[in-house]
Protein backbone atom coordinates (compact mmCIF):
# COMPACT_ATOMS: atom_id res chain seq x y z
CA UNK A 1 25.56 14.54 9.18
CA UNK A 2 23.20 15.17 12.15
CA UNK A 3 22.60 12.29 14.70
CA UNK A 4 19.09 11.81 13.23
CA UNK A 5 20.45 11.75 9.61
CA UNK A 6 23.01 9.09 10.65
CA UNK A 7 20.36 6.97 12.35
CA UNK A 8 17.87 7.13 9.37
CA UNK A 9 20.53 6.85 6.69
CA UNK A 10 23.52 5.01 8.03
CA UNK A 11 24.92 4.30 4.41
CA UNK A 12 24.85 8.12 3.76
CA UNK A 13 21.77 7.86 1.61
CA UNK A 14 18.10 7.34 2.68
CA UNK A 15 16.99 4.02 1.17
CA UNK A 16 13.26 4.11 0.61
CA UNK A 17 11.29 0.96 0.00
CA UNK A 18 8.62 1.38 -2.56
CA UNK A 19 5.71 -1.00 -3.25
CA UNK A 20 5.11 -0.57 -7.07
CA UNK A 21 2.30 -2.85 -7.00
CA UNK A 22 0.05 -0.22 -5.23
CA UNK A 23 -1.31 2.17 -7.90
CA UNK A 24 -2.07 4.88 -5.29
CA UNK A 25 1.27 5.00 -3.59
CA UNK A 26 4.03 4.94 -6.24
CA UNK A 27 2.40 5.66 -9.62
CA UNK A 28 1.47 8.92 -11.25
CA UNK A 29 -1.00 9.70 -14.03
CA UNK A 30 0.79 12.92 -14.90
CA UNK A 31 4.48 12.67 -14.42
CA UNK A 32 6.73 11.40 -17.18
CA UNK A 33 9.52 10.42 -14.80
CA UNK A 34 9.64 7.16 -12.97
CA UNK A 35 9.19 6.39 -10.18
CA UNK A 36 6.69 9.04 -9.41
CA UNK A 37 3.89 9.47 -6.82
CA UNK A 38 3.02 10.51 -3.38
CA UNK A 39 5.52 8.09 -1.76
CA UNK A 40 8.29 9.30 -3.86
CA UNK A 41 7.45 12.99 -2.99
CA UNK A 42 7.40 12.13 0.74
CA UNK A 43 10.77 10.25 0.42
CA UNK A 44 12.42 13.29 -1.27
CA UNK A 45 11.00 15.73 1.29
CA UNK A 46 12.06 13.61 4.26
CA UNK A 47 15.54 13.13 2.78
CA UNK A 48 15.66 16.91 2.25
CA UNK A 49 14.80 17.68 5.78
CA UNK A 50 17.56 15.10 6.91
CA UNK A 51 20.05 16.74 4.57
CA UNK A 52 20.79 13.43 2.76
CA UNK A 53 20.15 12.04 -0.75
CA UNK A 54 17.54 9.24 -1.43
CA UNK A 55 17.78 5.97 -3.18
CA UNK A 56 14.56 4.30 -4.25
CA UNK A 57 14.25 0.56 -3.86
CA UNK A 58 11.41 -0.74 -6.07
CA UNK A 59 9.42 -3.86 -5.36
CA UNK A 60 6.51 -5.47 -7.18
CA UNK A 61 4.41 -6.27 -4.11
CA UNK A 62 3.99 -5.21 -0.42
CA UNK A 63 5.47 -8.38 1.05
CA UNK A 64 8.89 -7.65 -0.64
CA UNK A 65 8.77 -3.98 0.28
CA UNK A 66 8.08 -4.91 4.02
CA UNK A 67 10.92 -7.56 3.91
CA UNK A 68 13.36 -5.05 2.71
CA UNK A 69 12.70 -2.73 5.66
CA UNK A 70 12.59 -5.54 8.21
CA UNK A 71 15.96 -6.94 6.95
CA UNK A 72 17.72 -3.57 7.09
CA UNK A 73 18.06 -3.34 3.19
CA UNK A 74 15.75 -0.21 3.39
CA UNK A 75 15.80 2.56 5.91
CA UNK A 76 12.18 3.79 5.50
CA UNK A 77 9.00 2.31 3.83
CA UNK A 78 5.42 3.06 2.87
CA UNK A 79 2.88 0.44 3.76
CA UNK A 80 -0.42 -0.32 5.40
CA UNK A 81 -0.65 -0.48 9.12
CA UNK A 82 -1.12 -4.09 10.10
CA UNK A 83 -0.69 -5.92 13.50
CA UNK A 84 1.61 -8.64 12.03
CA UNK A 85 3.92 -6.11 10.37
CA UNK A 86 3.93 -3.98 13.55
CA UNK A 87 6.05 -6.78 15.32
CA UNK A 88 9.12 -5.58 13.42
CA UNK A 89 7.95 -2.11 12.14
CA UNK A 90 7.25 1.32 13.67
CA UNK A 91 4.35 2.81 11.86
CA UNK A 92 3.62 6.48 11.80
CA UNK A 93 -0.03 7.68 11.94
CA UNK A 94 -1.74 7.13 8.68
CA UNK A 95 -1.15 9.75 5.92
CA UNK A 96 -3.58 8.26 3.30
CA UNK A 97 -6.54 5.98 3.40
CA UNK A 98 -7.55 3.73 0.50
CA UNK A 99 -10.17 1.01 0.22
CA UNK A 100 -10.25 -2.79 -0.23
CA UNK A 101 -12.94 -3.98 -2.68
CA UNK A 102 -14.09 -7.23 -4.28
CA UNK A 103 -14.49 -7.73 -8.02
CA UNK A 104 -16.48 -10.61 -9.69
CA UNK A 105 -17.23 -11.63 -13.25
CA UNK A 106 -20.25 -9.80 -14.66
CA UNK A 107 -22.41 -13.01 -14.59
CA UNK A 108 -21.63 -13.90 -11.07
CA UNK A 109 -24.53 -14.49 -8.65
CA UNK A 110 -22.56 -12.63 -6.00
CA UNK A 111 -24.16 -9.21 -5.48
CA UNK A 112 -22.83 -8.01 -2.04
CA UNK A 113 -20.02 -8.40 0.35
CA UNK A 114 -22.18 -10.61 2.50
CA UNK A 115 -22.32 -13.14 -0.37
CA UNK A 116 -18.60 -13.58 -0.60
CA UNK A 117 -17.62 -15.40 2.68
CA UNK A 118 -19.36 -18.76 1.86
CA UNK A 119 -18.18 -22.28 1.31
CA UNK A 120 -17.37 -22.96 -2.24
CA UNK A 121 -16.18 -19.35 -2.94
CA UNK A 122 -12.61 -18.82 -3.78
CA UNK A 123 -11.08 -15.30 -3.20
CA UNK A 124 -7.87 -14.34 -5.08
CA UNK A 125 -5.48 -12.05 -3.21
CA UNK A 126 -1.93 -10.76 -3.57
CA UNK A 127 0.76 -12.29 -1.48
CA UNK A 128 1.60 -10.26 1.64
CA UNK A 129 -0.73 -7.48 0.81
CA UNK A 130 -2.46 -5.57 3.62
CA UNK A 131 -5.90 -6.60 2.34
CA UNK A 132 -4.68 -10.22 2.06
CA UNK A 133 -3.51 -10.14 5.79
CA UNK A 134 -6.91 -8.70 6.73
CA UNK A 135 -8.81 -11.41 4.77
CA UNK A 136 -6.66 -14.24 6.35
CA UNK A 137 -7.75 -12.98 9.79
CA UNK A 138 -11.49 -12.47 8.88
CA UNK A 139 -12.60 -14.85 6.21
CA UNK A 140 -14.31 -17.85 7.79
CA UNK A 141 -15.99 -20.00 5.01
CA UNK A 142 -14.50 -18.98 1.64
CA UNK A 143 -11.10 -20.22 0.39
CA UNK A 144 -8.29 -17.82 -0.11
CA UNK A 145 -6.11 -18.34 -3.21
CA UNK A 146 -2.77 -16.43 -3.09
CA UNK A 147 -0.99 -15.14 -6.19
CA UNK A 148 2.47 -13.44 -6.28
CA UNK A 149 1.43 -9.89 -6.86
CA UNK A 150 -1.80 -7.80 -6.61
CA UNK A 151 -1.44 -6.95 -10.24
CA UNK A 152 -1.97 -10.59 -11.06
CA UNK A 153 -5.18 -11.09 -9.05
CA UNK A 154 -7.82 -10.33 -11.68
CA UNK A 155 -6.02 -12.31 -14.46
CA UNK A 156 -5.76 -15.32 -12.12
CA UNK A 157 -9.52 -15.19 -11.28
CA UNK A 158 -10.46 -15.17 -14.90
CA UNK A 159 -7.78 -17.68 -16.08
CA UNK A 160 -8.66 -20.27 -13.34
CA UNK A 161 -12.39 -19.62 -13.22
CA UNK A 162 -12.33 -18.41 -9.60
CA UNK A 163 -15.23 -16.52 -8.03
CA UNK A 164 -13.83 -13.33 -6.52
CA UNK A 165 -10.83 -10.99 -6.88
CA UNK A 166 -9.91 -8.79 -3.95
CA UNK A 167 -7.59 -5.69 -3.97
CA UNK A 168 -7.22 -1.99 -3.80
CA UNK A 169 -10.19 -0.27 -5.38
CA UNK A 170 -8.13 1.76 -7.84
CA UNK A 171 -6.17 -1.27 -9.12
CA UNK A 172 -9.40 -3.27 -9.50
CA UNK A 173 -11.06 -0.45 -11.46
CA UNK A 174 -8.06 -0.31 -13.82
CA UNK A 175 -8.22 -4.01 -14.22
CA UNK A 176 -11.96 -3.87 -14.93
CA UNK A 177 -11.34 -1.31 -17.73
CA UNK A 178 -8.59 -3.49 -19.25
CA UNK A 179 -10.32 -6.82 -19.26
CA UNK A 180 -14.05 -6.08 -19.45
CA UNK A 181 -16.78 -8.42 -18.38
CA UNK A 182 -16.33 -7.84 -14.65
CA UNK A 183 -17.72 -5.58 -11.93
CA UNK A 184 -16.80 -4.26 -8.58
CA UNK A 185 -19.22 -5.01 -5.71
CA UNK A 186 -20.89 -1.82 -4.34
CA UNK A 187 -19.18 -1.47 -1.01
CA UNK A 188 -15.62 -1.71 0.53
CA UNK A 189 -14.67 -4.56 2.81
CA UNK A 190 -12.00 -2.57 4.55
CA UNK A 191 -10.26 0.73 4.97
CA UNK A 192 -6.51 0.46 4.33
CA UNK A 193 -4.57 3.02 6.47
CA UNK A 194 -1.28 3.78 4.71
CA UNK A 195 1.66 4.96 6.81
CA UNK A 196 5.34 5.60 6.67
CA UNK A 197 7.39 3.13 8.48
CA UNK A 198 10.78 2.41 9.85
CA UNK A 199 12.32 -0.74 11.56
CA UNK A 200 11.63 -1.08 15.32
CA UNK A 201 14.62 -0.52 17.61
CA UNK A 202 15.45 3.02 16.53
CA UNK A 203 15.55 5.83 19.13
CA UNK A 204 12.62 7.67 20.53
CA UNK A 205 13.90 10.75 18.87
CA UNK A 206 13.79 9.04 15.56
CA UNK A 207 10.24 7.71 16.13
CA UNK A 208 9.05 11.19 17.12
CA UNK A 209 10.77 12.86 14.07
CA UNK A 210 9.13 10.51 11.55
CA UNK A 211 5.68 10.77 13.25
CA UNK A 212 5.91 14.59 13.24
CA UNK A 213 6.95 14.62 9.66
CA UNK A 214 3.90 12.79 8.52
CA UNK A 215 1.60 15.06 10.70
CA UNK A 216 3.18 18.16 9.23
CA UNK A 217 2.95 16.81 5.67
CA UNK A 218 -0.81 16.23 6.19
CA UNK A 219 -1.38 19.56 7.97
CA UNK A 220 0.45 21.67 5.55
CA UNK A 221 -1.48 20.12 2.52
CA UNK A 222 1.63 18.38 1.07
CA UNK A 223 0.00 15.00 0.88
CA UNK A 224 -3.33 16.42 -0.57
CA UNK A 225 -1.18 18.43 -3.15
CA UNK A 226 0.75 15.38 -4.18
CA UNK A 227 -2.28 13.17 -4.71
CA UNK A 228 -3.80 15.99 -6.82
CA UNK A 229 -0.59 16.56 -8.78
CA UNK A 230 -0.38 12.93 -9.75
CA UNK A 231 -4.17 12.68 -10.45
CA UNK A 232 -4.80 10.00 -7.95
CA UNK A 233 -8.48 9.61 -7.41
CA UNK A 234 -10.22 7.82 -4.60
CA UNK A 235 -7.56 8.19 -1.88
CA UNK A 236 -8.22 10.41 1.14
CA UNK A 237 -5.84 12.19 3.29
CA UNK A 238 -6.08 10.48 6.62
CA UNK A 239 -7.43 12.43 9.60
CA UNK A 240 -5.17 13.27 12.41
């Protein structure tokens, strides 16, 4: 093994941490095999360039995926860039941008994002999610209600009679089709920059290699082709 391969895959295999709770990153609308999606494609290509095999560690939310990387259980990960996570994580430049949206019951008086951050409004969010971390920093008047996974947000809103669900646009759209009687507000509340990641403390050569890998995957069309092949709609390849 090369020095870089040894650094990235000290066990002999590249352990890739996947957030299966994100419908954009680790799901496919076209592939029969599982897991399948853009992060799986990137993991396989990264491992191929290193000359090692890849093992997929699958987690049901972002917090667990981040923790696996921070603890050394995983060698690389795919997650949103966030200042709190950056304390223990090296992020590449973003490879994909997705959007955070709000969803409300059809009968709700809430019509715009400006209506959300008000006293008496309860916003449901997934534990450890990038959009949840953002809301924790930015919501001033509404109450934040945390549930274990992003996939549980809409069900919790309906079950407990809460006012607002927050999440990744594609996931909320899927939930809206599933449950009915709900609607997305008409504008995003944040752009979520998704990056490859590795634990801090690795060499400058390792950081340069993973950063360059992402830049090449965007420039070559690899990321765009992967999103198209898995029929992922609403996610944009991040600009350089």
